[in-house]
Amino acid sequence: MAALLCGVVTILALAAVGRPAQSEVPFTFTMPQSQVTLKISEPALRADPVEGARPGYFKLSRAQPLLIVSGWLEPAQQYKGLEAFWAGELRSPALAGARAPTRVETLREGAWEVVAYDVSVPGLIQSNLRAERVEANTWIDLHLSTGAADPSKAATSRAELLKVLRQVQIVRK
């Protein structure tokens, strides 16, 4: 996982290269071809730019307590359903070997289809949500993660991630 870079909130213009537009809290992301705007109201999150990120990608983070929210806006036709999406994720080397997901659970949170899972990383248990939704011809893919050194906190971490997901708003343009 990329190192956290707590940066200054920047405003990215809608550009022909397809970078999402971002503004101050609530963080607002959209793409020129999308009919929706994604709003994330968690005030402690800061923009966390990623060099070389693919078009449509965004990332926000908070150092304490750790929280990372990242994702993409893609055309709806690229989403083949939660089962196919998760099968593709499981083929990733990032989730292989010692980092294989544990406590995997699929659930619904409002309009979101969610896979919740934990991953062991050195010194902590990372709790993750992959939340998928199609709205107005746009596939919204969110990855929320946090970590706890104490494995008994994993259930609490998952509940905290679901609380953040409930705060995400999708607004039609």
N, C-alpha and C. Protein backbone atom coordinates (compact mmCIF):
# COMPACT_ATOMS: atom_id res chain seq x y z
N MET A 1 0.85 -1.17 0.00
CA MET A 1 0.00 0.00 0.00
C MET A 1 0.90 1.24 0.00
N ALA A 2 0.53 2.20 -0.79
CA ALA A 2 1.34 3.41 -0.90
C ALA A 2 1.41 4.12 0.45
N ALA A 3 2.51 4.75 0.70
CA ALA A 3 2.70 5.49 1.95
C ALA A 3 1.74 6.67 1.98
N LEU A 4 1.32 7.03 3.18
CA LEU A 4 0.40 8.16 3.32
C LEU A 4 1.15 9.47 3.13
N LEU A 5 0.59 10.31 2.31
CA LEU A 5 1.15 11.65 2.10
C LEU A 5 0.06 12.64 2.44
N CYS A 6 0.11 13.21 3.63
CA CYS A 6 -0.91 14.18 4.02
C CYS A 6 -0.56 15.51 3.39
N GLY A 7 -1.26 15.85 2.36
CA GLY A 7 -0.97 17.06 1.60
C GLY A 7 -2.00 18.13 1.81
N VAL A 8 -1.73 19.25 1.23
CA VAL A 8 -2.65 20.36 1.25
C VAL A 8 -3.76 20.08 0.24
N VAL A 9 -4.98 20.42 0.61
CA VAL A 9 -6.10 20.21 -0.30
C VAL A 9 -5.89 21.09 -1.52
N THR A 10 -5.95 20.45 -2.68
CA THR A 10 -5.78 21.20 -3.92
C THR A 10 -7.04 21.11 -4.75
N ILE A 11 -7.18 22.06 -5.63
CA ILE A 11 -8.32 22.04 -6.54
C ILE A 11 -7.80 21.63 -7.90
N LEU A 12 -8.34 20.55 -8.40
CA LEU A 12 -7.95 20.07 -9.72
C LEU A 12 -9.05 20.43 -10.71
N ALA A 13 -8.69 21.10 -11.77
CA ALA A 13 -9.67 21.47 -12.79
C ALA A 13 -10.06 20.24 -13.59
N LEU A 14 -11.25 20.25 -14.12
CA LEU A 14 -11.64 19.21 -15.05
C LEU A 14 -10.79 19.39 -16.30
N ALA A 15 -10.00 18.41 -16.58
CA ALA A 15 -9.06 18.54 -17.69
C ALA A 15 -9.32 17.47 -18.72
N ALA A 16 -8.83 17.69 -19.88
CA ALA A 16 -9.01 16.73 -20.96
C ALA A 16 -8.36 15.40 -20.64
N VAL A 17 -7.38 15.38 -19.74
CA VAL A 17 -6.72 14.13 -19.38
C VAL A 17 -7.62 13.26 -18.51
N GLY A 18 -8.75 13.80 -18.06
CA GLY A 18 -9.72 12.99 -17.33
C GLY A 18 -9.46 12.88 -15.84
N ARG A 19 -8.80 13.83 -15.25
CA ARG A 19 -8.62 13.82 -13.80
C ARG A 19 -9.94 14.24 -13.15
N PRO A 20 -10.28 13.65 -12.00
CA PRO A 20 -11.50 14.05 -11.33
C PRO A 20 -11.38 15.47 -10.79
N ALA A 21 -12.49 16.18 -10.77
CA ALA A 21 -12.51 17.51 -10.17
C ALA A 21 -12.61 17.33 -8.67
N GLN A 22 -11.91 18.14 -7.92
CA GLN A 22 -11.89 18.03 -6.47
C GLN A 22 -12.02 19.42 -5.88
N SER A 23 -12.73 19.53 -4.79
CA SER A 23 -12.86 20.81 -4.11
C SER A 23 -12.68 20.58 -2.62
N GLU A 24 -12.84 21.63 -1.85
CA GLU A 24 -12.66 21.50 -0.41
C GLU A 24 -13.84 20.76 0.20
N VAL A 25 -13.79 20.55 1.55
CA VAL A 25 -14.80 19.76 2.24
C VAL A 25 -16.18 20.34 1.97
N PRO A 26 -17.19 19.54 1.57
CA PRO A 26 -16.98 18.14 1.27
C PRO A 26 -16.14 17.98 0.01
N PHE A 27 -15.30 16.95 0.02
CA PHE A 27 -14.53 16.65 -1.17
C PHE A 27 -15.50 16.24 -2.26
N THR A 28 -15.33 16.80 -3.43
CA THR A 28 -16.24 16.56 -4.53
C THR A 28 -15.44 16.06 -5.73
N PHE A 29 -15.84 14.90 -6.26
CA PHE A 29 -15.16 14.32 -7.40
C PHE A 29 -16.16 14.05 -8.50
N THR A 30 -15.73 14.30 -9.72
CA THR A 30 -16.55 13.95 -10.87
C THR A 30 -15.63 13.79 -12.07
N MET A 31 -16.18 13.34 -13.14
CA MET A 31 -15.46 13.22 -14.41
C MET A 31 -16.29 13.92 -15.46
N PRO A 32 -15.66 14.47 -16.48
CA PRO A 32 -16.43 15.20 -17.49
C PRO A 32 -17.54 14.37 -18.12
N GLN A 33 -17.30 13.09 -18.38
CA GLN A 33 -18.30 12.25 -19.03
C GLN A 33 -19.32 11.68 -18.06
N SER A 34 -19.12 11.86 -16.75
CA SER A 34 -20.03 11.31 -15.75
C SER A 34 -21.24 12.21 -15.54
N GLN A 35 -22.33 11.59 -15.16
CA GLN A 35 -23.56 12.33 -14.84
C GLN A 35 -23.75 12.46 -13.33
N VAL A 36 -22.72 12.07 -12.55
CA VAL A 36 -22.81 12.16 -11.10
C VAL A 36 -21.60 12.86 -10.51
N THR A 37 -21.80 13.36 -9.30
CA THR A 37 -20.73 13.93 -8.50
C THR A 37 -20.71 13.15 -7.19
N LEU A 38 -19.52 12.76 -6.75
CA LEU A 38 -19.31 12.04 -5.52
C LEU A 38 -18.89 13.04 -4.46
N LYS A 39 -19.55 13.03 -3.28
CA LYS A 39 -19.20 13.95 -2.20
C LYS A 39 -18.85 13.14 -0.96
N ILE A 40 -17.69 13.47 -0.38
CA ILE A 40 -17.22 12.81 0.83
C ILE A 40 -17.04 13.90 1.88
N SER A 41 -17.79 13.79 2.98
CA SER A 41 -17.85 14.87 3.97
C SER A 41 -16.98 14.68 5.20
N GLU A 42 -16.16 13.64 5.25
CA GLU A 42 -15.29 13.41 6.40
C GLU A 42 -14.27 14.55 6.49
N PRO A 43 -14.39 15.47 7.50
CA PRO A 43 -13.59 16.70 7.50
C PRO A 43 -12.09 16.50 7.72
N ALA A 44 -11.65 15.42 8.34
CA ALA A 44 -10.23 15.23 8.62
C ALA A 44 -9.46 14.67 7.43
N LEU A 45 -10.15 14.25 6.39
CA LEU A 45 -9.46 13.70 5.21
C LEU A 45 -8.76 14.80 4.44
N ARG A 46 -7.61 14.47 3.89
CA ARG A 46 -6.85 15.40 3.07
C ARG A 46 -6.52 14.73 1.75
N ALA A 47 -6.39 15.53 0.72
CA ALA A 47 -6.00 15.00 -0.59
C ALA A 47 -4.66 14.32 -0.47
N ASP A 48 -4.53 13.20 -1.12
CA ASP A 48 -3.31 12.41 -1.09
C ASP A 48 -2.96 12.06 -2.53
N PRO A 49 -2.37 13.02 -3.27
CA PRO A 49 -2.10 12.80 -4.68
C PRO A 49 -1.20 11.59 -4.91
N VAL A 50 -1.47 10.86 -5.97
CA VAL A 50 -0.68 9.69 -6.34
C VAL A 50 -0.10 9.94 -7.71
N GLU A 51 1.22 10.00 -7.79
CA GLU A 51 1.90 10.21 -9.07
C GLU A 51 1.58 9.07 -10.03
N GLY A 52 1.25 9.41 -11.25
CA GLY A 52 1.02 8.40 -12.28
C GLY A 52 -0.28 7.65 -12.14
N ALA A 53 -1.19 8.14 -11.29
CA ALA A 53 -2.48 7.47 -11.12
C ALA A 53 -3.26 7.52 -12.43
N ARG A 54 -4.04 6.48 -12.65
CA ARG A 54 -4.82 6.44 -13.88
C ARG A 54 -5.93 7.49 -13.84
N PRO A 55 -6.41 7.91 -14.99
CA PRO A 55 -7.49 8.90 -15.04
C PRO A 55 -8.72 8.40 -14.28
N GLY A 56 -9.37 9.32 -13.59
CA GLY A 56 -10.57 8.97 -12.84
C GLY A 56 -10.31 8.52 -11.43
N TYR A 57 -9.03 8.45 -11.00
CA TYR A 57 -8.67 7.97 -9.67
C TYR A 57 -8.59 9.14 -8.69
N PHE A 58 -9.01 8.90 -7.46
CA PHE A 58 -8.85 9.88 -6.40
C PHE A 58 -8.45 9.17 -5.12
N LYS A 59 -7.76 9.89 -4.23
CA LYS A 59 -7.33 9.32 -2.95
C LYS A 59 -7.31 10.40 -1.89
N LEU A 60 -7.90 10.07 -0.75
CA LEU A 60 -7.91 10.94 0.42
C LEU A 60 -7.39 10.11 1.59
N SER A 61 -6.76 10.77 2.57
CA SER A 61 -6.30 10.03 3.73
C SER A 61 -6.29 10.90 4.98
N ARG A 62 -6.27 10.19 6.09
CA ARG A 62 -6.15 10.80 7.42
C ARG A 62 -5.14 9.94 8.16
N ALA A 63 -4.20 10.57 8.87
CA ALA A 63 -3.15 9.81 9.54
C ALA A 63 -3.63 9.19 10.86
N GLN A 64 -4.36 9.94 11.68
CA GLN A 64 -4.76 9.45 13.00
C GLN A 64 -6.21 9.77 13.30
N PRO A 65 -7.02 8.78 13.56
CA PRO A 65 -6.74 7.38 13.28
C PRO A 65 -6.73 7.16 11.77
N LEU A 66 -5.94 6.18 11.37
CA LEU A 66 -5.72 5.91 9.96
C LEU A 66 -7.03 5.69 9.20
N LEU A 67 -7.17 6.37 8.08
CA LEU A 67 -8.30 6.17 7.17
C LEU A 67 -7.84 6.55 5.77
N ILE A 68 -8.09 5.66 4.83
CA ILE A 68 -7.80 5.94 3.43
C ILE A 68 -9.09 5.70 2.63
N VAL A 69 -9.45 6.66 1.80
CA VAL A 69 -10.59 6.53 0.91
C VAL A 69 -10.08 6.81 -0.50
N SER A 70 -10.21 5.84 -1.36
CA SER A 70 -9.78 6.03 -2.74
C SER A 70 -10.81 5.40 -3.66
N GLY A 71 -10.69 5.70 -4.93
CA GLY A 71 -11.64 5.09 -5.85
C GLY A 71 -11.55 5.65 -7.24
N TRP A 72 -12.49 5.22 -8.04
CA TRP A 72 -12.54 5.56 -9.46
C TRP A 72 -13.98 5.83 -9.86
N LEU A 73 -14.13 6.61 -10.90
CA LEU A 73 -15.40 6.77 -11.59
C LEU A 73 -15.16 6.24 -12.99
N GLU A 74 -15.97 5.28 -13.41
CA GLU A 74 -15.81 4.62 -14.70
C GLU A 74 -17.16 4.53 -15.40
N PRO A 75 -17.17 4.31 -16.70
CA PRO A 75 -18.44 4.07 -17.40
C PRO A 75 -19.12 2.81 -16.84
N ALA A 76 -20.43 2.87 -16.68
CA ALA A 76 -21.19 1.78 -16.07
C ALA A 76 -20.98 0.44 -16.76
N GLN A 77 -20.81 0.43 -18.08
CA GLN A 77 -20.69 -0.83 -18.81
C GLN A 77 -19.43 -1.60 -18.44
N GLN A 78 -18.48 -0.98 -17.76
CA GLN A 78 -17.27 -1.69 -17.34
C GLN A 78 -17.50 -2.53 -16.08
N TYR A 79 -18.60 -2.28 -15.38
CA TYR A 79 -18.90 -3.04 -14.16
C TYR A 79 -19.67 -4.29 -14.52
N LYS A 80 -19.13 -5.43 -14.17
CA LYS A 80 -19.73 -6.73 -14.50
C LYS A 80 -20.39 -7.39 -13.30
N GLY A 81 -20.59 -6.65 -12.23
CA GLY A 81 -21.22 -7.19 -11.03
C GLY A 81 -20.20 -7.45 -9.93
N LEU A 82 -20.69 -7.53 -8.71
CA LEU A 82 -19.82 -7.67 -7.55
C LEU A 82 -19.02 -8.97 -7.58
N GLU A 83 -19.65 -10.05 -7.96
CA GLU A 83 -18.95 -11.34 -7.97
C GLU A 83 -17.77 -11.32 -8.94
N ALA A 84 -17.98 -10.82 -10.14
CA ALA A 84 -16.89 -10.74 -11.12
C ALA A 84 -15.82 -9.75 -10.67
N PHE A 85 -16.24 -8.64 -10.10
CA PHE A 85 -15.29 -7.64 -9.60
C PHE A 85 -14.39 -8.26 -8.53
N TRP A 86 -14.99 -8.93 -7.54
CA TRP A 86 -14.23 -9.50 -6.43
C TRP A 86 -13.32 -10.63 -6.93
N ALA A 87 -13.78 -11.41 -7.86
CA ALA A 87 -12.93 -12.47 -8.43
C ALA A 87 -11.68 -11.85 -9.07
N GLY A 88 -11.84 -10.74 -9.75
CA GLY A 88 -10.70 -10.04 -10.33
C GLY A 88 -9.74 -9.51 -9.28
N GLU A 89 -10.29 -8.97 -8.20
CA GLU A 89 -9.46 -8.47 -7.11
C GLU A 89 -8.64 -9.59 -6.49
N LEU A 90 -9.24 -10.76 -6.34
CA LEU A 90 -8.54 -11.89 -5.72
C LEU A 90 -7.39 -12.41 -6.58
N ARG A 91 -7.40 -12.09 -7.87
CA ARG A 91 -6.28 -12.48 -8.75
C ARG A 91 -5.09 -11.53 -8.61
N SER A 92 -5.26 -10.43 -7.91
CA SER A 92 -4.20 -9.44 -7.76
C SER A 92 -3.09 -9.95 -6.83
N PRO A 93 -1.83 -9.74 -7.20
CA PRO A 93 -0.73 -10.12 -6.31
C PRO A 93 -0.78 -9.39 -4.97
N ALA A 94 -1.44 -8.23 -4.93
CA ALA A 94 -1.53 -7.47 -3.68
C ALA A 94 -2.34 -8.22 -2.62
N LEU A 95 -3.16 -9.19 -3.04
CA LEU A 95 -3.98 -9.95 -2.09
C LEU A 95 -3.59 -11.43 -2.09
N ALA A 96 -2.30 -11.69 -2.30
CA ALA A 96 -1.84 -13.07 -2.36
C ALA A 96 -0.99 -13.41 -1.14
N GLY A 97 -0.80 -14.69 -0.92
CA GLY A 97 0.08 -15.16 0.15
C GLY A 97 -0.37 -14.69 1.52
N ALA A 98 0.56 -14.12 2.27
CA ALA A 98 0.27 -13.67 3.64
C ALA A 98 -0.78 -12.55 3.66
N ARG A 99 -0.96 -11.87 2.53
CA ARG A 99 -1.94 -10.77 2.47
C ARG A 99 -3.29 -11.25 1.94
N ALA A 100 -3.51 -12.54 1.91
CA ALA A 100 -4.81 -13.07 1.45
C ALA A 100 -5.91 -12.57 2.39
N PRO A 101 -7.04 -12.15 1.85
CA PRO A 101 -8.13 -11.63 2.67
C PRO A 101 -8.68 -12.66 3.66
N THR A 102 -9.02 -12.16 4.84
CA THR A 102 -9.70 -12.96 5.87
C THR A 102 -10.98 -12.23 6.25
N ARG A 103 -11.85 -12.92 6.96
CA ARG A 103 -13.15 -12.36 7.39
C ARG A 103 -13.88 -11.71 6.21
N VAL A 104 -13.88 -12.35 5.05
CA VAL A 104 -14.53 -11.81 3.86
C VAL A 104 -16.03 -11.93 4.02
N GLU A 105 -16.72 -10.84 3.72
CA GLU A 105 -18.18 -10.80 3.85
C GLU A 105 -18.74 -9.88 2.77
N THR A 106 -19.79 -10.31 2.09
CA THR A 106 -20.48 -9.43 1.15
C THR A 106 -21.74 -8.92 1.82
N LEU A 107 -22.05 -7.66 1.56
CA LEU A 107 -23.23 -7.05 2.17
C LEU A 107 -23.72 -5.90 1.33
N ARG A 108 -24.87 -5.38 1.70
CA ARG A 108 -25.43 -4.19 1.05
C ARG A 108 -25.46 -3.09 2.09
N GLU A 109 -25.11 -1.90 1.65
CA GLU A 109 -25.21 -0.71 2.49
C GLU A 109 -25.91 0.34 1.65
N GLY A 110 -27.23 0.43 1.81
CA GLY A 110 -28.00 1.30 0.94
C GLY A 110 -27.89 0.81 -0.49
N ALA A 111 -27.50 1.70 -1.41
CA ALA A 111 -27.36 1.33 -2.82
C ALA A 111 -26.00 0.70 -3.13
N TRP A 112 -25.13 0.61 -2.14
CA TRP A 112 -23.78 0.07 -2.35
C TRP A 112 -23.76 -1.45 -2.21
N GLU A 113 -23.04 -2.12 -3.12
CA GLU A 113 -22.68 -3.52 -2.97
C GLU A 113 -21.28 -3.51 -2.36
N VAL A 114 -21.08 -4.28 -1.30
CA VAL A 114 -19.85 -4.17 -0.54
C VAL A 114 -19.22 -5.53 -0.29
N VAL A 115 -17.89 -5.58 -0.44
CA VAL A 115 -17.09 -6.70 0.06
C VAL A 115 -16.25 -6.13 1.19
N ALA A 116 -16.43 -6.68 2.38
CA ALA A 116 -15.63 -6.29 3.54
C ALA A 116 -14.63 -7.41 3.79
N TYR A 117 -13.40 -7.05 4.11
CA TYR A 117 -12.37 -8.06 4.35
C TYR A 117 -11.24 -7.44 5.16
N ASP A 118 -10.43 -8.31 5.76
CA ASP A 118 -9.25 -7.90 6.50
C ASP A 118 -8.02 -8.48 5.83
N VAL A 119 -6.90 -7.81 6.02
CA VAL A 119 -5.61 -8.25 5.49
C VAL A 119 -4.57 -8.04 6.59
N SER A 120 -3.71 -9.02 6.79
CA SER A 120 -2.62 -8.87 7.75
C SER A 120 -1.44 -8.19 7.07
N VAL A 121 -1.00 -7.10 7.65
CA VAL A 121 0.20 -6.42 7.19
C VAL A 121 1.11 -6.29 8.41
N PRO A 122 2.40 -6.12 8.23
CA PRO A 122 3.29 -6.06 9.40
C PRO A 122 2.83 -5.03 10.43
N GLY A 123 2.55 -5.50 11.62
CA GLY A 123 2.20 -4.63 12.73
C GLY A 123 0.74 -4.27 12.86
N LEU A 124 -0.11 -4.69 11.92
CA LEU A 124 -1.52 -4.36 12.07
C LEU A 124 -2.41 -5.24 11.20
N ILE A 125 -3.68 -5.19 11.55
CA ILE A 125 -4.72 -5.80 10.74
C ILE A 125 -5.39 -4.66 9.98
N GLN A 126 -5.37 -4.75 8.66
CA GLN A 126 -5.98 -3.72 7.82
C GLN A 126 -7.40 -4.17 7.49
N SER A 127 -8.38 -3.35 7.86
CA SER A 127 -9.77 -3.60 7.51
C SER A 127 -10.09 -2.82 6.25
N ASN A 128 -10.81 -3.46 5.32
CA ASN A 128 -11.09 -2.88 4.01
C ASN A 128 -12.55 -3.04 3.64
N LEU A 129 -13.06 -2.08 2.90
CA LEU A 129 -14.34 -2.19 2.21
C LEU A 129 -14.09 -1.88 0.75
N ARG A 130 -14.62 -2.69 -0.13
CA ARG A 130 -14.70 -2.36 -1.54
C ARG A 130 -16.19 -2.15 -1.79
N ALA A 131 -16.56 -0.92 -2.08
CA ALA A 131 -17.96 -0.55 -2.26
C ALA A 131 -18.19 -0.19 -3.72
N GLU A 132 -19.18 -0.84 -4.32
CA GLU A 132 -19.47 -0.67 -5.75
C GLU A 132 -20.90 -0.20 -5.93
N ARG A 133 -21.06 0.68 -6.90
CA ARG A 133 -22.40 1.22 -7.17
C ARG A 133 -22.43 1.75 -8.60
N VAL A 134 -23.56 1.54 -9.26
CA VAL A 134 -23.77 2.14 -10.58
C VAL A 134 -24.91 3.14 -10.43
N GLU A 135 -24.62 4.36 -10.88
CA GLU A 135 -25.60 5.44 -10.78
C GLU A 135 -25.47 6.31 -12.02
N ALA A 136 -26.56 6.53 -12.72
CA ALA A 136 -26.60 7.42 -13.89
C ALA A 136 -25.46 7.12 -14.86
N ASN A 137 -25.36 5.86 -15.27
CA ASN A 137 -24.36 5.41 -16.24
C ASN A 137 -22.92 5.56 -15.78
N THR A 138 -22.70 5.66 -14.47
CA THR A 138 -21.36 5.75 -13.90
C THR A 138 -21.17 4.64 -12.87
N TRP A 139 -20.07 3.91 -13.01
CA TRP A 139 -19.68 2.92 -12.00
C TRP A 139 -18.78 3.63 -11.00
N ILE A 140 -19.17 3.58 -9.74
CA ILE A 140 -18.40 4.18 -8.66
C ILE A 140 -17.77 3.05 -7.87
N ASP A 141 -16.45 3.04 -7.79
CA ASP A 141 -15.69 2.03 -7.08
C ASP A 141 -14.94 2.72 -5.95
N LEU A 142 -15.30 2.41 -4.71
CA LEU A 142 -14.62 2.99 -3.54
C LEU A 142 -13.85 1.92 -2.79
N HIS A 143 -12.69 2.28 -2.30
CA HIS A 143 -11.89 1.42 -1.43
C HIS A 143 -11.63 2.22 -0.16
N LEU A 144 -12.21 1.76 0.95
CA LEU A 144 -12.00 2.38 2.24
C LEU A 144 -11.17 1.43 3.08
N SER A 145 -10.16 1.94 3.79
CA SER A 145 -9.34 1.07 4.63
C SER A 145 -8.86 1.80 5.87
N THR A 146 -8.62 1.02 6.89
CA THR A 146 -8.07 1.50 8.15
C THR A 146 -7.28 0.36 8.75
N GLY A 147 -6.58 0.62 9.83
CA GLY A 147 -5.78 -0.44 10.43
C GLY A 147 -5.78 -0.34 11.94
N ALA A 148 -5.56 -1.48 12.57
CA ALA A 148 -5.47 -1.56 14.02
C ALA A 148 -4.41 -2.58 14.39
N ALA A 149 -3.56 -2.23 15.35
CA ALA A 149 -2.52 -3.15 15.81
C ALA A 149 -3.13 -4.31 16.60
N ASP A 150 -4.25 -4.06 17.23
CA ASP A 150 -4.92 -5.08 18.05
C ASP A 150 -5.96 -5.81 17.19
N PRO A 151 -5.75 -7.11 16.92
CA PRO A 151 -6.70 -7.85 16.07
C PRO A 151 -8.14 -7.84 16.60
N SER A 152 -8.31 -7.66 17.89
CA SER A 152 -9.68 -7.63 18.45
C SER A 152 -10.44 -6.38 18.02
N LYS A 153 -9.75 -5.40 17.46
CA LYS A 153 -10.40 -4.16 17.01
C LYS A 153 -10.91 -4.26 15.57
N ALA A 154 -10.71 -5.38 14.90
CA ALA A 154 -11.09 -5.51 13.49
C ALA A 154 -12.58 -5.28 13.27
N ALA A 155 -13.42 -5.82 14.15
CA ALA A 155 -14.87 -5.63 13.99
C ALA A 155 -15.23 -4.16 14.15
N THR A 156 -14.61 -3.48 15.09
CA THR A 156 -14.85 -2.05 15.29
C THR A 156 -14.37 -1.26 14.08
N SER A 157 -13.21 -1.65 13.54
CA SER A 157 -12.69 -0.96 12.35
C SER A 157 -13.65 -1.08 11.18
N ARG A 158 -14.22 -2.26 10.98
CA ARG A 158 -15.18 -2.46 9.89
C ARG A 158 -16.40 -1.58 10.08
N ALA A 159 -16.89 -1.50 11.31
CA ALA A 159 -18.06 -0.66 11.60
C ALA A 159 -17.75 0.81 11.32
N GLU A 160 -16.53 1.25 11.64
CA GLU A 160 -16.14 2.63 11.37
C GLU A 160 -16.08 2.91 9.87
N LEU A 161 -15.59 1.95 9.09
CA LEU A 161 -15.56 2.12 7.64
C LEU A 161 -16.97 2.21 7.06
N LEU A 162 -17.87 1.38 7.56
CA LEU A 162 -19.26 1.45 7.10
C LEU A 162 -19.88 2.80 7.44
N LYS A 163 -19.53 3.36 8.58
CA LYS A 163 -20.03 4.68 8.96
C LYS A 163 -19.55 5.74 7.97
N VAL A 164 -18.29 5.67 7.56
CA VAL A 164 -17.76 6.62 6.56
C VAL A 164 -18.48 6.42 5.23
N LEU A 165 -18.69 5.18 4.83
CA LEU A 165 -19.39 4.91 3.57
C LEU A 165 -20.79 5.52 3.58
N ARG A 166 -21.48 5.44 4.70
CA ARG A 166 -22.83 6.02 4.81
C ARG A 166 -22.83 7.52 4.60
N GLN A 167 -21.71 8.18 4.81
CA GLN A 167 -21.60 9.63 4.64
C GLN A 167 -21.35 10.05 3.20
N VAL A 168 -20.99 9.09 2.35
CA VAL A 168 -20.71 9.40 0.94
C VAL A 168 -22.04 9.68 0.24
N GLN A 169 -22.05 10.77 -0.49
CA GLN A 169 -23.25 11.15 -1.25
C GLN A 169 -22.96 11.09 -2.74
N ILE A 170 -23.95 10.61 -3.48
CA ILE A 170 -23.87 10.62 -4.93
C ILE A 170 -24.97 11.57 -5.40
N VAL A 171 -24.57 12.60 -6.14
CA VAL A 171 -25.51 13.63 -6.60
C VAL A 171 -25.48 13.64 -8.12
N ARG A 172 -26.65 13.60 -8.74
CA ARG A 172 -26.72 13.70 -10.20
C ARG A 172 -26.46 15.14 -10.61
N LYS A 173 -25.70 15.27 -11.71
CA LYS A 173 -25.38 16.61 -12.23
C LYS A 173 -26.61 17.20 -12.88
